[in-house]
Amino acid sequence: MKLQLQIKMNEALFLRNPESSELGKNILKHSIQLIDRTGFELFTFKKLAEEIGTTEAGIYRYFENKHKLLVYLTAWYWGWLEFQIIFQTNNIKDPIIKLKKVIKLLAQAVKDDEQTSHINEHSLHKIIISEGSKAYLTKHVGEDNKQQFFKPYKDLCAAVGQIVSECNPTYKYPKSLASTIIEMAHFQNFFMHHLPSLTDFGKEKKESEIISFLNDLVFSSIKKV
């Protein structure tokens, strides 16, 4: 039996809950498609409105600006990923096996989740890799943080950090290592495809190489294999 997927979103991110209407769900669905296709810099609400067949004013009723839409999408993804980690490691008792499973989940390609017909997780994962850091690398990150926009990301890091601590309770940097694993999984994927000289993964571009690298990095750090 599958666990019911429920992701609670910060209400400060939207003016009207996009999950509450077909237009709202279409905004999420088509914004993912459009950002994946054109990149966040070229993404506009005008283009999104044309894609959906609605007006810009209709989109602005849901989101104040495109930055908040991006933060919404990244926060949704982090919440979804934490759910996947909890669900897929629930019956694993050995913390080392559990941590290796988490590393694999972070580094491997994401398949679309049939439970969320208006969110394509495969495309959203690609956006996280190429655009996700733009959600918090801003001048107003402090104010956004006060509004708890990044809580889903912090919760994910805390969950991974807890597993690190289970592997080695004396390790002093579980949260730092957790955020490093998450970011490195995405940066190395991006580098592998776009700046390959920054990696050691060669021309084959295999995710398994990133997984091997992260396992080596993590377990060398916590010194408990």
C-alpha atoms as a PDB file:
ATOM      1  CA  MET A   1       0.000   0.000   0.000  1.00  0.00           C
ATOM      2  CA  LYS A   2       1.381   3.419  -1.002  1.00  0.00           C
ATOM      3  CA  LEU A   3       1.663   6.270   1.476  1.00  0.00           C
ATOM      4  CA  GLN A   4      -0.538   9.213   0.560  1.00  0.00           C
ATOM      5  CA  LEU A   5       1.586  12.050  -0.795  1.00  0.00           C
ATOM      6  CA  GLN A   6       0.849  15.306   1.002  1.00  0.00           C
ATOM      7  CA  ILE A   7       3.144  18.318   0.666  1.00  0.00           C
ATOM      8  CA  LYS A   8       2.154  21.372   2.704  1.00  0.00           C
ATOM      9  CA  MET A   9       3.340  24.581   1.090  1.00  0.00           C
ATOM     10  CA  ASN A  10       4.200  27.908   2.718  1.00  0.00           C
ATOM     11  CA  GLU A  11       1.213  30.184   2.118  1.00  0.00           C
ATOM     12  CA  ALA A  12       3.480  33.241   1.881  1.00  0.00           C
ATOM     13  CA  LEU A  13       4.758  31.922  -1.455  1.00  0.00           C
ATOM     14  CA  PHE A  14       1.469  32.399  -3.274  1.00  0.00           C
ATOM     15  CA  LEU A  15      -1.472  34.799  -3.429  1.00  0.00           C
ATOM     16  CA  ARG A  16      -3.891  31.985  -4.218  1.00  0.00           C
ATOM     17  CA  ASN A  17      -3.179  28.298  -3.701  1.00  0.00           C
ATOM     18  CA  PRO A  18      -2.352  26.898  -7.170  1.00  0.00           C
ATOM     19  CA  GLU A  19      -3.473  23.450  -6.028  1.00  0.00           C
ATOM     20  CA  SER A  20      -7.016  24.775  -5.542  1.00  0.00           C
ATOM     21  CA  SER A  21      -8.006  25.158  -9.207  1.00  0.00           C
ATOM     22  CA  GLU A  22      -7.367  23.784 -12.670  1.00  0.00           C
ATOM     23  CA  LEU A  23      -5.775  27.079 -13.744  1.00  0.00           C
ATOM     24  CA  GLY A  24      -3.453  26.972 -10.756  1.00  0.00           C
ATOM     25  CA  LYS A  25      -2.412  23.409 -11.536  1.00  0.00           C
ATOM     26  CA  ASN A  26      -1.876  24.390 -15.176  1.00  0.00           C
ATOM     27  CA  ILE A  27       0.363  27.253 -14.035  1.00  0.00           C
ATOM     28  CA  LEU A  28       2.544  24.759 -12.162  1.00  0.00           C
ATOM     29  CA  LYS A  29       2.498  22.187 -14.959  1.00  0.00           C
ATOM     30  CA  HIS A  30       3.330  24.574 -17.800  1.00  0.00           C
ATOM     31  CA  SER A  31       5.807  26.678 -15.830  1.00  0.00           C
ATOM     32  CA  ILE A  32       7.871  23.521 -15.276  1.00  0.00           C
ATOM     33  CA  GLN A  33       7.707  22.703 -18.985  1.00  0.00           C
ATOM     34  CA  LEU A  34       8.602  26.253 -20.016  1.00  0.00           C
ATOM     35  CA  ILE A  35      11.460  26.764 -17.535  1.00  0.00           C
ATOM     36  CA  ASP A  36      12.885  23.369 -18.484  1.00  0.00           C
ATOM     37  CA  ARG A  37      12.714  24.304 -22.148  1.00  0.00           C
ATOM     38  CA  THR A  38      13.885  27.934 -22.129  1.00  0.00           C
ATOM     39  CA  GLY A  39      15.663  28.477 -18.795  1.00  0.00           C
ATOM     40  CA  PHE A  40      14.581  30.726 -15.931  1.00  0.00           C
ATOM     41  CA  GLU A  41      16.149  33.911 -17.338  1.00  0.00           C
ATOM     42  CA  LEU A  42      13.968  33.793 -20.469  1.00  0.00           C
ATOM     43  CA  PHE A  43      10.888  32.607 -18.596  1.00  0.00           C
ATOM     44  CA  THR A  44       8.154  35.249 -18.208  1.00  0.00           C
ATOM     45  CA  PHE A  45       4.535  35.253 -17.086  1.00  0.00           C
ATOM     46  CA  LYS A  46       3.626  36.597 -20.537  1.00  0.00           C
ATOM     47  CA  LYS A  47       5.117  33.508 -22.199  1.00  0.00           C
ATOM     48  CA  LEU A  48       3.497  31.273 -19.589  1.00  0.00           C
ATOM     49  CA  ALA A  49       0.104  32.868 -20.221  1.00  0.00           C
ATOM     50  CA  GLU A  50       0.465  32.245 -23.954  1.00  0.00           C
ATOM     51  CA  GLU A  51       1.463  28.645 -23.259  1.00  0.00           C
ATOM     52  CA  ILE A  52      -1.599  28.025 -21.089  1.00  0.00           C
ATOM     53  CA  GLY A  53      -4.059  30.126 -23.090  1.00  0.00           C
ATOM     54  CA  THR A  54      -4.849  32.573 -20.297  1.00  0.00           C
ATOM     55  CA  THR A  55      -3.872  36.126 -19.311  1.00  0.00           C
ATOM     56  CA  GLU A  56      -0.880  37.450 -17.403  1.00  0.00           C
ATOM     57  CA  ALA A  57      -3.326  38.945 -14.911  1.00  0.00           C
ATOM     58  CA  GLY A  58      -4.696  35.454 -14.273  1.00  0.00           C
ATOM     59  CA  ILE A  59      -1.211  34.195 -13.359  1.00  0.00           C
ATOM     60  CA  TYR A  60      -0.502  37.208 -11.141  1.00  0.00           C
ATOM     61  CA  ARG A  61      -3.557  36.274  -9.109  1.00  0.00           C
ATOM     62  CA  TYR A  62      -1.599  33.194  -7.998  1.00  0.00           C
ATOM     63  CA  PHE A  63       2.014  34.379  -7.806  1.00  0.00           C
ATOM     64  CA  GLU A  64       3.425  37.832  -7.086  1.00  0.00           C
ATOM     65  CA  ASN A  65       6.410  37.303  -9.389  1.00  0.00           C
ATOM     66  CA  LYS A  66       8.406  34.593 -11.128  1.00  0.00           C
ATOM     67  CA  HIS A  67      10.949  34.367  -8.297  1.00  0.00           C
ATOM     68  CA  LYS A  68       8.266  33.273  -5.841  1.00  0.00           C
ATOM     69  CA  LEU A  69       7.032  30.765  -8.405  1.00  0.00           C
ATOM     70  CA  LEU A  70      10.570  29.334  -8.653  1.00  0.00           C
ATOM     71  CA  VAL A  71      10.868  29.171  -4.853  1.00  0.00           C
ATOM     72  CA  TYR A  72       7.483  27.427  -4.749  1.00  0.00           C
ATOM     73  CA  LEU A  73       8.610  24.816  -7.288  1.00  0.00           C
ATOM     74  CA  THR A  74      11.938  24.174  -5.539  1.00  0.00           C
ATOM     75  CA  ALA A  75      10.255  23.969  -2.123  1.00  0.00           C
ATOM     76  CA  TRP A  76       7.705  21.530  -3.541  1.00  0.00           C
ATOM     77  CA  TYR A  77      10.503  19.381  -4.947  1.00  0.00           C
ATOM     78  CA  TRP A  78      12.409  19.285  -1.646  1.00  0.00           C
ATOM     79  CA  GLY A  79       9.239  18.254   0.154  1.00  0.00           C
ATOM     80  CA  TRP A  80       8.572  15.554  -2.423  1.00  0.00           C
ATOM     81  CA  LEU A  81      12.167  14.295  -2.208  1.00  0.00           C
ATOM     82  CA  GLU A  82      12.070  14.112   1.582  1.00  0.00           C
ATOM     83  CA  PHE A  83       8.876  12.060   1.275  1.00  0.00           C
ATOM     84  CA  GLN A  84      10.631   9.681  -1.153  1.00  0.00           C
ATOM     85  CA  ILE A  85      13.616   9.277   1.177  1.00  0.00           C
ATOM     86  CA  ILE A  86      11.426   8.528   4.190  1.00  0.00           C
ATOM     87  CA  PHE A  87       9.242   6.128   2.198  1.00  0.00           C
ATOM     88  CA  GLN A  88      12.088   4.259   0.504  1.00  0.00           C
ATOM     89  CA  THR A  89      14.292   3.907   3.593  1.00  0.00           C
ATOM     90  CA  ASN A  90      11.508   3.171   6.081  1.00  0.00           C
ATOM     91  CA  ASN A  91      12.259  -0.552   6.380  1.00  0.00           C
ATOM     92  CA  ILE A  92      16.069  -0.294   6.187  1.00  0.00           C
ATOM     93  CA  LYS A  93      17.632  -0.870   9.607  1.00  0.00           C
ATOM     94  CA  ASP A  94      21.343  -0.594   8.737  1.00  0.00           C
ATOM     95  CA  PRO A  95      22.165   3.168   8.654  1.00  0.00           C
ATOM     96  CA  ILE A  96      25.035   2.664   6.195  1.00  0.00           C
ATOM     97  CA  ILE A  97      22.779   0.903   3.706  1.00  0.00           C
ATOM     98  CA  LYS A  98      20.196   3.618   4.349  1.00  0.00           C
ATOM     99  CA  LEU A  99      22.711   6.390   3.628  1.00  0.00           C
ATOM    100  CA  LYS A 100      23.852   4.681   0.431  1.00  0.00           C
ATOM    101  CA  LYS A 101      20.205   4.495  -0.632  1.00  0.00           C
ATOM    102  CA  VAL A 102      19.801   8.215   0.055  1.00  0.00           C
ATOM    103  CA  ILE A 103      22.891   9.048  -2.014  1.00  0.00           C
ATOM    104  CA  LYS A 104      21.488   7.023  -4.889  1.00  0.00           C
ATOM    105  CA  LEU A 105      18.128   8.790  -4.647  1.00  0.00           C
ATOM    106  CA  LEU A 106      19.852  12.181  -4.694  1.00  0.00           C
ATOM    107  CA  ALA A 107      22.123  11.449  -7.650  1.00  0.00           C
ATOM    108  CA  GLN A 108      20.047   9.322  -9.984  1.00  0.00           C
ATOM    109  CA  ALA A 109      17.602  10.538 -12.640  1.00  0.00           C
ATOM    110  CA  VAL A 110      14.090  11.119 -11.325  1.00  0.00           C
ATOM    111  CA  LYS A 111      11.059   9.422 -12.843  1.00  0.00           C
ATOM    112  CA  ASP A 112       7.735  11.192 -13.095  1.00  0.00           C
ATOM    113  CA  ASP A 113       5.469  10.407 -10.131  1.00  0.00           C
ATOM    114  CA  GLU A 114       2.018   9.238 -11.242  1.00  0.00           C
ATOM    115  CA  GLN A 115       0.473  10.549  -8.013  1.00  0.00           C
ATOM    116  CA  THR A 116       1.044  14.147  -9.172  1.00  0.00           C
ATOM    117  CA  SER A 117      -0.404  14.544 -12.664  1.00  0.00           C
ATOM    118  CA  HIS A 118       0.215  18.322 -12.783  1.00  0.00           C
ATOM    119  CA  ILE A 119       3.865  18.055 -11.665  1.00  0.00           C
ATOM    120  CA  ASN A 120       6.437  16.336 -13.834  1.00  0.00           C
ATOM    121  CA  GLU A 121       9.152  15.421 -11.326  1.00  0.00           C
ATOM    122  CA  HIS A 122      11.546  14.351 -14.078  1.00  0.00           C
ATOM    123  CA  SER A 123      11.483  17.836 -15.602  1.00  0.00           C
ATOM    124  CA  LEU A 124      11.424  19.516 -12.206  1.00  0.00           C
ATOM    125  CA  HIS A 125      14.558  17.604 -11.203  1.00  0.00           C
ATOM    126  CA  LYS A 126      16.340  19.019 -14.260  1.00  0.00           C
ATOM    127  CA  ILE A 127      15.244  22.505 -13.201  1.00  0.00           C
ATOM    128  CA  ILE A 128      16.583  21.910  -9.690  1.00  0.00           C
ATOM    129  CA  ILE A 129      19.948  20.932 -11.165  1.00  0.00           C
ATOM    130  CA  SER A 130      20.256  23.943 -13.470  1.00  0.00           C
ATOM    131  CA  GLU A 131      18.145  26.616 -11.780  1.00  0.00           C
ATOM    132  CA  GLY A 132      17.499  25.566  -8.169  1.00  0.00           C
ATOM    133  CA  SER A 133      20.256  27.627  -6.524  1.00  0.00           C
ATOM    134  CA  LYS A 134      18.690  30.797  -7.972  1.00  0.00           C
ATOM    135  CA  ALA A 135      15.910  30.379  -5.426  1.00  0.00           C
ATOM    136  CA  TYR A 136      18.249  31.404  -2.598  1.00  0.00           C
ATOM    137  CA  LEU A 137      21.301  33.031  -4.222  1.00  0.00           C
ATOM    138  CA  THR A 138      19.691  36.473  -4.070  1.00  0.00           C
ATOM    139  CA  LYS A 139      20.190  39.750  -2.221  1.00  0.00           C
ATOM    140  CA  HIS A 140      16.914  39.200  -0.341  1.00  0.00           C
ATOM    141  CA  VAL A 141      17.704  35.685   0.875  1.00  0.00           C
ATOM    142  CA  GLY A 142      17.634  36.875   4.490  1.00  0.00           C
ATOM    143  CA  GLU A 143      14.100  38.192   4.205  1.00  0.00           C
ATOM    144  CA  ASP A 144      12.983  35.067   2.344  1.00  0.00           C
ATOM    145  CA  ASN A 145      14.543  32.957   5.074  1.00  0.00           C
ATOM    146  CA  LYS A 146      12.626  34.867   7.768  1.00  0.00           C
ATOM    147  CA  GLN A 147       9.443  33.856   5.967  1.00  0.00           C
ATOM    148  CA  GLN A 148      10.631  30.219   6.099  1.00  0.00           C
ATOM    149  CA  PHE A 149      10.672  29.813   2.314  1.00  0.00           C
ATOM    150  CA  PHE A 150      13.555  27.338   2.610  1.00  0.00           C
ATOM    151  CA  LYS A 151      12.123  25.184   5.394  1.00  0.00           C
ATOM    152  CA  PRO A 152      11.530  22.161   3.079  1.00  0.00           C
ATOM    153  CA  TYR A 153      15.204  22.253   2.080  1.00  0.00           C
ATOM    154  CA  LYS A 154      16.274  22.542   5.717  1.00  0.00           C
ATOM    155  CA  ASP A 155      13.983  19.652   6.646  1.00  0.00           C
ATOM    156  CA  LEU A 156      15.526  17.520   3.895  1.00  0.00           C
ATOM    157  CA  CYS A 157      19.062  18.362   5.074  1.00  0.00           C
ATOM    158  CA  ALA A 158      18.057  17.551   8.650  1.00  0.00           C
ATOM    159  CA  ALA A 159      16.669  14.169   7.575  1.00  0.00           C
ATOM    160  CA  VAL A 160      19.860  13.294   5.669  1.00  0.00           C
ATOM    161  CA  GLY A 161      22.006  14.645   8.500  1.00  0.00           C
ATOM    162  CA  GLN A 162      20.187  12.388  10.967  1.00  0.00           C
ATOM    163  CA  ILE A 163      21.092   9.349   8.868  1.00  0.00           C
ATOM    164  CA  VAL A 164      24.725  10.529   8.771  1.00  0.00           C
ATOM    165  CA  SER A 165      24.667  10.721  12.580  1.00  0.00           C
ATOM    166  CA  GLU A 166      23.218   7.215  12.769  1.00  0.00           C
ATOM    167  CA  CYS A 167      26.216   5.982  10.765  1.00  0.00           C
ATOM    168  CA  ASN A 168      28.681   7.725  13.060  1.00  0.00           C
ATOM    169  CA  PRO A 169      27.276   9.473  16.155  1.00  0.00           C
ATOM    170  CA  THR A 170      30.661  11.111  16.852  1.00  0.00           C
ATOM    171  CA  TYR A 171      30.887  12.819  13.459  1.00  0.00           C
ATOM    172  CA  LYS A 172      30.785  16.585  14.083  1.00  0.00           C
ATOM    173  CA  TYR A 173      29.391  17.889  10.797  1.00  0.00           C
ATOM    174  CA  PRO A 174      26.257  15.896   9.843  1.00  0.00           C
ATOM    175  CA  LYS A 175      24.205  18.863   8.574  1.00  0.00           C
ATOM    176  CA  SER A 176      27.135  20.332   6.651  1.00  0.00           C
ATOM    177  CA  LEU A 177      27.789  16.972   5.035  1.00  0.00           C
ATOM    178  CA  ALA A 178      24.090  16.530   4.265  1.00  0.00           C
ATOM    179  CA  SER A 179      23.817  19.855   2.417  1.00  0.00           C
ATOM    180  CA  THR A 180      27.104  19.092   0.641  1.00  0.00           C
ATOM    181  CA  ILE A 181      25.783  15.730  -0.574  1.00  0.00           C
ATOM    182  CA  ILE A 182      22.610  17.317  -1.923  1.00  0.00           C
ATOM    183  CA  GLU A 183      24.336  20.225  -3.643  1.00  0.00           C
ATOM    184  CA  MET A 184      27.194  18.107  -4.965  1.00  0.00           C
ATOM    185  CA  ALA A 185      24.786  15.588  -6.494  1.00  0.00           C
ATOM    186  CA  HIS A 186      23.313  18.414  -8.569  1.00  0.00           C
ATOM    187  CA  PHE A 187      26.496  20.338  -9.342  1.00  0.00           C
ATOM    188  CA  GLN A 188      28.357  17.241 -10.490  1.00  0.00           C
ATOM    189  CA  ASN A 189      25.430  16.277 -12.713  1.00  0.00           C
ATOM    190  CA  PHE A 190      25.420  19.763 -14.250  1.00  0.00           C
ATOM    191  CA  PHE A 191      29.197  19.787 -14.676  1.00  0.00           C
ATOM    192  CA  MET A 192      29.194  16.303 -16.172  1.00  0.00           C
ATOM    193  CA  HIS A 193      26.836  17.406 -18.958  1.00  0.00           C
ATOM    194  CA  HIS A 194      27.946  21.016 -19.493  1.00  0.00           C
ATOM    195  CA  LEU A 195      31.448  21.520 -18.028  1.00  0.00           C
ATOM    196  CA  PRO A 196      32.938  18.011 -18.131  1.00  0.00           C
ATOM    197  CA  SER A 197      36.513  19.153 -17.498  1.00  0.00           C
ATOM    198  CA  LEU A 198      35.393  19.924 -13.932  1.00  0.00           C
ATOM    199  CA  THR A 199      34.653  16.245 -13.320  1.00  0.00           C
ATOM    200  CA  ASP A 200      36.433  12.891 -13.643  1.00  0.00           C
ATOM    201  CA  PHE A 201      33.491  11.087 -15.190  1.00  0.00           C
ATOM    202  CA  GLY A 202      34.667  10.994 -18.791  1.00  0.00           C
ATOM    203  CA  LYS A 203      32.524  11.057 -21.913  1.00  0.00           C
ATOM    204  CA  GLU A 204      30.079   8.334 -20.882  1.00  0.00           C
ATOM    205  CA  LYS A 205      28.207  10.668 -18.522  1.00  0.00           C
ATOM    206  CA  LYS A 206      27.053   7.956 -16.144  1.00  0.00           C
ATOM    207  CA  GLU A 207      25.120   8.827 -13.003  1.00  0.00           C
ATOM    208  CA  SER A 208      26.635   5.739 -11.421  1.00  0.00           C
ATOM    209  CA  GLU A 209      29.989   7.566 -11.423  1.00  0.00           C
ATOM    210  CA  ILE A 210      28.477  10.451  -9.446  1.00  0.00           C
ATOM    211  CA  ILE A 211      27.009   7.958  -6.987  1.00  0.00           C
ATOM    212  CA  SER A 212      30.407   6.282  -6.584  1.00  0.00           C
ATOM    213  CA  PHE A 213      32.090   9.657  -6.063  1.00  0.00           C
ATOM    214  CA  LEU A 214      29.556  10.710  -3.419  1.00  0.00           C
ATOM    215  CA  ASN A 215      29.863   7.406  -1.597  1.00  0.00           C
ATOM    216  CA  ASP A 216      33.640   7.809  -1.530  1.00  0.00           C
ATOM    217  CA  LEU A 217      33.343  11.417  -0.320  1.00  0.00           C
ATOM    218  CA  VAL A 218      30.764  10.679   2.378  1.00  0.00           C
ATOM    219  CA  PHE A 219      32.163   7.494   3.847  1.00  0.00           C
ATOM    220  CA  SER A 220      35.726   8.803   3.763  1.00  0.00           C
ATOM    221  CA  SER A 221      34.480  11.792   5.738  1.00  0.00           C
ATOM    222  CA  ILE A 222      32.591   9.891   8.417  1.00  0.00           C
ATOM    223  CA  LYS A 223      35.271   7.177   8.519  1.00  0.00           C
ATOM    224  CA  LYS A 224      32.873   4.312   9.090  1.00  0.00           C
ATOM    225  CA  VAL A 225      32.273   2.004   6.131  1.00  0.00           C
END
